[in-house]
Amino acid sequence: MEHTIHHGPEGGIVFEAFCMTVGCDATSGGQEEQEAALDWALRHTGRTGHDVFRRECTDHARVIRRE
């Protein structure tokens, strides 16, 4: 049997930003909109001066068996 894998739109996409400053574990938390995660990073920099972030975009996949 062969299978294919594709984005599963029903699962949505999650955006998250993580502060990479040593000793800081701050994160935006999972956001449905990319702008929300980026806005969090901008506000975090304004409050702390931390200016390096890891950005993650996670989608959901669906595997379908080919007939």
PDB file of N, CA and C in Angstrom:
ATOM      1  N   MET A   1       0.832  -1.185   0.000  1.00  0.00           N
ATOM      2  CA  MET A   1       0.000   0.000   0.000  1.00  0.00           C
ATOM      3  C   MET A   1       0.876   1.248   0.000  1.00  0.00           C
ATOM      4  N   GLU A   2       0.481   2.204  -0.803  1.00  0.00           N
ATOM      5  CA  GLU A   2       1.164   3.500  -0.802  1.00  0.00           C
ATOM      6  C   GLU A   2       0.315   4.507  -0.049  1.00  0.00           C
ATOM      7  N   HIS A   3       1.012   5.457   0.552  1.00  0.00           N
ATOM      8  CA  HIS A   3       0.343   6.507   1.305  1.00  0.00           C
ATOM      9  C   HIS A   3       0.876   7.862   0.863  1.00  0.00           C
ATOM     10  N   THR A   4       0.082   8.889   1.069  1.00  0.00           N
ATOM     11  CA  THR A   4       0.532  10.264   0.862  1.00  0.00           C
ATOM     12  C   THR A   4       0.280  11.029   2.156  1.00  0.00           C
ATOM     13  N   ILE A   5       0.993  12.126   2.314  1.00  0.00           N
ATOM     14  CA  ILE A   5       0.806  12.959   3.510  1.00  0.00           C
ATOM     15  C   ILE A   5       0.625  14.399   3.048  1.00  0.00           C
ATOM     16  N   HIS A   6      -0.360  15.061   3.633  1.00  0.00           N
ATOM     17  CA  HIS A   6      -0.702  16.441   3.264  1.00  0.00           C
ATOM     18  C   HIS A   6      -1.062  17.219   4.523  1.00  0.00           C
ATOM     19  N   HIS A   7      -1.021  18.542   4.380  1.00  0.00           N
ATOM     20  CA  HIS A   7      -1.488  19.414   5.456  1.00  0.00           C
ATOM     21  C   HIS A   7      -2.945  19.081   5.750  1.00  0.00           C
ATOM     22  N   GLY A   8      -3.277  18.926   7.025  1.00  0.00           N
ATOM     23  CA  GLY A   8      -4.657  18.683   7.438  1.00  0.00           C
ATOM     24  C   GLY A   8      -5.264  19.975   7.942  1.00  0.00           C
ATOM     25  N   PRO A   9      -5.989  20.700   7.096  1.00  0.00           N
ATOM     26  CA  PRO A   9      -6.472  22.030   7.471  1.00  0.00           C
ATOM     27  C   PRO A   9      -7.375  22.037   8.697  1.00  0.00           C
ATOM     28  N   GLU A  10      -8.031  20.924   8.983  1.00  0.00           N
ATOM     29  CA  GLU A  10      -8.908  20.898  10.157  1.00  0.00           C
ATOM     30  C   GLU A  10      -8.125  21.035  11.454  1.00  0.00           C
ATOM     31  N   GLY A  11      -6.824  20.740  11.423  1.00  0.00           N
ATOM     32  CA  GLY A  11      -5.978  20.861  12.610  1.00  0.00           C
ATOM     33  C   GLY A  11      -5.416  22.254  12.799  1.00  0.00           C
ATOM     34  N   GLY A  12      -5.517  23.078  11.770  1.00  0.00           N
ATOM     35  CA  GLY A  12      -5.017  24.447  11.869  1.00  0.00           C
ATOM     36  C   GLY A  12      -3.500  24.524  11.833  1.00  0.00           C
ATOM     37  N   ILE A  13      -3.014  25.712  12.084  1.00  0.00           N
ATOM     38  CA  ILE A  13      -1.583  25.996  12.160  1.00  0.00           C
ATOM     39  C   ILE A  13      -1.351  26.744  13.463  1.00  0.00           C
ATOM     40  N   VAL A  14      -0.275  26.404  14.165  1.00  0.00           N
ATOM     41  CA  VAL A  14       0.053  27.043  15.433  1.00  0.00           C
ATOM     42  C   VAL A  14       1.383  27.771  15.271  1.00  0.00           C
ATOM     43  N   PHE A  15       1.422  29.019  15.707  1.00  0.00           N
ATOM     44  CA  PHE A  15       2.629  29.845  15.663  1.00  0.00           C
ATOM     45  C   PHE A  15       3.078  30.097  17.104  1.00  0.00           C
ATOM     46  N   GLU A  16       4.401  30.049  17.322  1.00  0.00           N
ATOM     47  CA  GLU A  16       4.913  30.299  18.661  1.00  0.00           C
ATOM     48  C   GLU A  16       6.303  30.910  18.577  1.00  0.00           C
ATOM     49  N   ALA A  17       6.589  31.829  19.484  1.00  0.00           N
ATOM     50  CA  ALA A  17       7.909  32.455  19.584  1.00  0.00           C
ATOM     51  C   ALA A  17       8.493  32.116  20.954  1.00  0.00           C
ATOM     52  N   PHE A  18       9.792  31.810  20.973  1.00  0.00           N
ATOM     53  CA  PHE A  18      10.499  31.446  22.192  1.00  0.00           C
ATOM     54  C   PHE A  18      11.675  32.398  22.369  1.00  0.00           C
ATOM     55  N   CYS A  19      11.793  33.002  23.538  1.00  0.00           N
ATOM     56  CA  CYS A  19      12.957  33.835  23.831  1.00  0.00           C
ATOM     57  C   CYS A  19      14.168  32.931  23.980  1.00  0.00           C
ATOM     58  N   MET A  20      15.264  33.270  23.301  1.00  0.00           N
ATOM     59  CA  MET A  20      16.469  32.459  23.332  1.00  0.00           C
ATOM     60  C   MET A  20      17.557  33.048  24.231  1.00  0.00           C
ATOM     61  N   THR A  21      17.239  34.089  24.979  1.00  0.00           N
ATOM     62  CA  THR A  21      18.200  34.647  25.920  1.00  0.00           C
ATOM     63  C   THR A  21      18.464  33.627  27.027  1.00  0.00           C
ATOM     64  N   VAL A  22      19.716  33.391  27.335  1.00  0.00           N
ATOM     65  CA  VAL A  22      20.087  32.407  28.354  1.00  0.00           C
ATOM     66  C   VAL A  22      19.374  32.745  29.663  1.00  0.00           C
ATOM     67  N   GLY A  23      18.724  31.727  30.230  1.00  0.00           N
ATOM     68  CA  GLY A  23      18.039  31.895  31.504  1.00  0.00           C
ATOM     69  C   GLY A  23      16.607  32.388  31.393  1.00  0.00           C
ATOM     70  N   CYS A  24      16.175  32.740  30.209  1.00  0.00           N
ATOM     71  CA  CYS A  24      14.802  33.204  30.012  1.00  0.00           C
ATOM     72  C   CYS A  24      14.007  32.095  29.318  1.00  0.00           C
ATOM     73  N   ASP A  25      12.950  31.667  29.950  1.00  0.00           N
ATOM     74  CA  ASP A  25      12.116  30.604  29.395  1.00  0.00           C
ATOM     75  C   ASP A  25      10.808  31.136  28.829  1.00  0.00           C
ATOM     76  N   ALA A  26      10.755  32.432  28.542  1.00  0.00           N
ATOM     77  CA  ALA A  26       9.501  33.043  28.091  1.00  0.00           C
ATOM     78  C   ALA A  26       9.113  32.558  26.693  1.00  0.00           C
ATOM     79  N   THR A  27       7.820  32.397  26.502  1.00  0.00           N
ATOM     80  CA  THR A  27       7.275  31.980  25.214  1.00  0.00           C
ATOM     81  C   THR A  27       5.941  32.669  24.985  1.00  0.00           C
ATOM     82  N   SER A  28       5.620  32.838  23.739  1.00  0.00           N
ATOM     83  CA  SER A  28       4.336  33.446  23.400  1.00  0.00           C
ATOM     84  C   SER A  28       3.176  32.500  23.658  1.00  0.00           C
ATOM     85  N   GLY A  29       3.480  31.214  23.803  1.00  0.00           N
ATOM     86  CA  GLY A  29       2.409  30.225  23.830  1.00  0.00           C
ATOM     87  C   GLY A  29       1.891  30.034  22.417  1.00  0.00           C
ATOM     88  N   GLY A  30       1.202  28.964  22.184  1.00  0.00           N
ATOM     89  CA  GLY A  30       0.675  28.694  20.849  1.00  0.00           C
ATOM     90  C   GLY A  30      -0.372  29.719  20.452  1.00  0.00           C
ATOM     91  N   GLN A  31      -0.227  30.263  19.252  1.00  0.00           N
ATOM     92  CA  GLN A  31      -1.138  31.287  18.743  1.00  0.00           C
ATOM     93  C   GLN A  31      -1.700  30.847  17.396  1.00  0.00           C
ATOM     94  N   GLU A  32      -2.952  31.167  17.144  1.00  0.00           N
ATOM     95  CA  GLU A  32      -3.558  30.832  15.856  1.00  0.00           C
ATOM     96  C   GLU A  32      -3.109  31.770  14.739  1.00  0.00           C
ATOM     97  N   GLU A  33      -2.692  32.983  15.110  1.00  0.00           N
ATOM     98  CA  GLU A  33      -2.251  33.973  14.134  1.00  0.00           C
ATOM     99  C   GLU A  33      -0.761  34.253  14.324  1.00  0.00           C
ATOM    100  N   GLN A  34      -0.024  34.279  13.212  1.00  0.00           N
ATOM    101  CA  GLN A  34       1.411  34.549  13.285  1.00  0.00           C
ATOM    102  C   GLN A  34       1.683  35.911  13.907  1.00  0.00           C
ATOM    103  N   GLU A  35       0.880  36.901  13.570  1.00  0.00           N
ATOM    104  CA  GLU A  35       1.096  38.253  14.096  1.00  0.00           C
ATOM    105  C   GLU A  35       1.037  38.290  15.621  1.00  0.00           C
ATOM    106  N   ALA A  36       0.197  37.465  16.225  1.00  0.00           N
ATOM    107  CA  ALA A  36       0.091  37.446  17.686  1.00  0.00           C
ATOM    108  C   ALA A  36       1.405  36.994  18.316  1.00  0.00           C
ATOM    109  N   ALA A  37       2.038  35.975  17.749  1.00  0.00           N
ATOM    110  CA  ALA A  37       3.325  35.508  18.277  1.00  0.00           C
ATOM    111  C   ALA A  37       4.411  36.559  18.062  1.00  0.00           C
ATOM    112  N   LEU A  38       4.401  37.202  16.903  1.00  0.00           N
ATOM    113  CA  LEU A  38       5.410  38.227  16.625  1.00  0.00           C
ATOM    114  C   LEU A  38       5.199  39.456  17.502  1.00  0.00           C
ATOM    115  N   ASP A  39       3.955  39.850  17.720  1.00  0.00           N
ATOM    116  CA  ASP A  39       3.679  40.981  18.603  1.00  0.00           C
ATOM    117  C   ASP A  39       4.156  40.691  20.015  1.00  0.00           C
ATOM    118  N   TRP A  40       3.968  39.448  20.469  1.00  0.00           N
ATOM    119  CA  TRP A  40       4.458  39.073  21.790  1.00  0.00           C
ATOM    120  C   TRP A  40       5.969  39.270  21.862  1.00  0.00           C
ATOM    121  N   ALA A  41       6.708  38.830  20.828  1.00  0.00           N
ATOM    122  CA  ALA A  41       8.169  38.976  20.816  1.00  0.00           C
ATOM    123  C   ALA A  41       8.573  40.446  20.884  1.00  0.00           C
ATOM    124  N   LEU A  42       7.868  41.296  20.154  1.00  0.00           N
ATOM    125  CA  LEU A  42       8.176  42.729  20.193  1.00  0.00           C
ATOM    126  C   LEU A  42       7.943  43.309  21.587  1.00  0.00           C
ATOM    127  N   ARG A  43       6.831  42.930  22.214  1.00  0.00           N
ATOM    128  CA  ARG A  43       6.547  43.422  23.569  1.00  0.00           C
ATOM    129  C   ARG A  43       7.571  42.884  24.564  1.00  0.00           C
ATOM    130  N   HIS A  44       7.962  41.620  24.419  1.00  0.00           N
ATOM    131  CA  HIS A  44       8.949  41.022  25.309  1.00  0.00           C
ATOM    132  C   HIS A  44      10.275  41.762  25.199  1.00  0.00           C
ATOM    133  N   THR A  45      10.686  42.079  23.987  1.00  0.00           N
ATOM    134  CA  THR A  45      11.920  42.847  23.801  1.00  0.00           C
ATOM    135  C   THR A  45      11.808  44.211  24.470  1.00  0.00           C
ATOM    136  N   GLY A  46      10.659  44.852  24.303  1.00  0.00           N
ATOM    137  CA  GLY A  46      10.462  46.163  24.934  1.00  0.00           C
ATOM    138  C   GLY A  46      10.568  46.107  26.446  1.00  0.00           C
ATOM    139  N   ARG A  47      10.070  45.029  27.053  1.00  0.00           N
ATOM    140  CA  ARG A  47      10.091  44.893  28.514  1.00  0.00           C
ATOM    141  C   ARG A  47      11.450  44.456  29.039  1.00  0.00           C
ATOM    142  N   THR A  48      12.161  43.610  28.272  1.00  0.00           N
ATOM    143  CA  THR A  48      13.352  42.944  28.816  1.00  0.00           C
ATOM    144  C   THR A  48      14.654  43.297  28.110  1.00  0.00           C
ATOM    145  N   GLY A  49      14.569  43.765  26.874  1.00  0.00           N
ATOM    146  CA  GLY A  49      15.768  43.983  26.080  1.00  0.00           C
ATOM    147  C   GLY A  49      16.244  42.714  25.370  1.00  0.00           C
ATOM    148  N   HIS A  50      15.615  41.577  25.642  1.00  0.00           N
ATOM    149  CA  HIS A  50      15.973  40.324  24.964  1.00  0.00           C
ATOM    150  C   HIS A  50      15.588  40.445  23.496  1.00  0.00           C
ATOM    151  N   ASP A  51      16.517  40.066  22.614  1.00  0.00           N
ATOM    152  CA  ASP A  51      16.255  40.351  21.197  1.00  0.00           C
ATOM    153  C   ASP A  51      16.503  39.178  20.245  1.00  0.00           C
ATOM    154  N   VAL A  52      16.631  37.962  20.780  1.00  0.00           N
ATOM    155  CA  VAL A  52      16.812  36.788  19.922  1.00  0.00           C
ATOM    156  C   VAL A  52      15.699  35.792  20.245  1.00  0.00           C
ATOM    157  N   PHE A  53      14.998  35.363  19.207  1.00  0.00           N
ATOM    158  CA  PHE A  53      13.856  34.473  19.372  1.00  0.00           C
ATOM    159  C   PHE A  53      13.926  33.322  18.378  1.00  0.00           C
ATOM    160  N   ARG A  54      13.366  32.204  18.771  1.00  0.00           N
ATOM    161  CA  ARG A  54      13.134  31.092  17.852  1.00  0.00           C
ATOM    162  C   ARG A  54      11.654  31.136  17.505  1.00  0.00           C
ATOM    163  N   ARG A  55      11.355  31.070  16.214  1.00  0.00           N
ATOM    164  CA  ARG A  55       9.966  31.067  15.779  1.00  0.00           C
ATOM    165  C   ARG A  55       9.618  29.687  15.250  1.00  0.00           C
ATOM    166  N   GLU A  56       8.470  29.185  15.650  1.00  0.00           N
ATOM    167  CA  GLU A  56       8.015  27.883  15.171  1.00  0.00           C
ATOM    168  C   GLU A  56       6.630  28.016  14.565  1.00  0.00           C
ATOM    169  N   CYS A  57       6.453  27.311  13.480  1.00  0.00           N
ATOM    170  CA  CYS A  57       5.162  27.219  12.807  1.00  0.00           C
ATOM    171  C   CYS A  57       4.862  25.728  12.691  1.00  0.00           C
ATOM    172  N   THR A  58       3.809  25.287  13.332  1.00  0.00           N
ATOM    173  CA  THR A  58       3.469  23.868  13.362  1.00  0.00           C
ATOM    174  C   THR A  58       2.142  23.655  12.669  1.00  0.00           C
ATOM    175  N   ASP A  59       2.127  22.735  11.728  1.00  0.00           N
ATOM    176  CA  ASP A  59       0.851  22.383  11.106  1.00  0.00           C
ATOM    177  C   ASP A  59       0.521  20.942  11.455  1.00  0.00           C
ATOM    178  N   HIS A  60      -0.622  20.523  11.037  1.00  0.00           N
ATOM    179  CA  HIS A  60      -1.070  19.155  11.281  1.00  0.00           C
ATOM    180  C   HIS A  60      -1.140  18.431   9.943  1.00  0.00           C
ATOM    181  N   ALA A  61      -0.777  17.172   9.960  1.00  0.00           N
ATOM    182  CA  ALA A  61      -0.732  16.409   8.726  1.00  0.00           C
ATOM    183  C   ALA A  61      -1.737  15.263   8.770  1.00  0.00           C
ATOM    184  N   ARG A  62      -2.202  14.911   7.603  1.00  0.00           N
ATOM    185  CA  ARG A  62      -3.086  13.770   7.458  1.00  0.00           C
ATOM    186  C   ARG A  62      -2.465  12.809   6.457  1.00  0.00           C
ATOM    187  N   VAL A  63      -2.381  11.548   6.839  1.00  0.00           N
ATOM    188  CA  VAL A  63      -1.872  10.505   5.941  1.00  0.00           C
ATOM    189  C   VAL A  63      -3.077   9.825   5.296  1.00  0.00           C
ATOM    190  N   ILE A  64      -3.002   9.680   3.989  1.00  0.00           N
ATOM    191  CA  ILE A  64      -4.095   9.065   3.231  1.00  0.00           C
ATOM    192  C   ILE A  64      -3.540   7.892   2.442  1.00  0.00           C
ATOM    193  N   ARG A  65      -4.238   6.776   2.556  1.00  0.00           N
ATOM    194  CA  ARG A  65      -3.838   5.588   1.813  1.00  0.00           C
ATOM    195  C   ARG A  65      -4.348   5.703   0.392  1.00  0.00           C
ATOM    196  N   ARG A  66      -3.453   5.475  -0.550  1.00  0.00           N
ATOM    197  CA  ARG A  66      -3.860   5.477  -1.970  1.00  0.00           C
ATOM    198  C   ARG A  66      -4.556   4.158  -2.277  1.00  0.00           C
ATOM    199  N   GLU A  67      -5.606   4.257  -3.011  1.00  0.00           N
ATOM    200  CA  GLU A  67      -6.369   3.048  -3.400  1.00  0.00           C
ATOM    201  C   GLU A  67      -5.794   2.475  -4.673  1.00  0.00           C
TER     202      GLU A  67
END
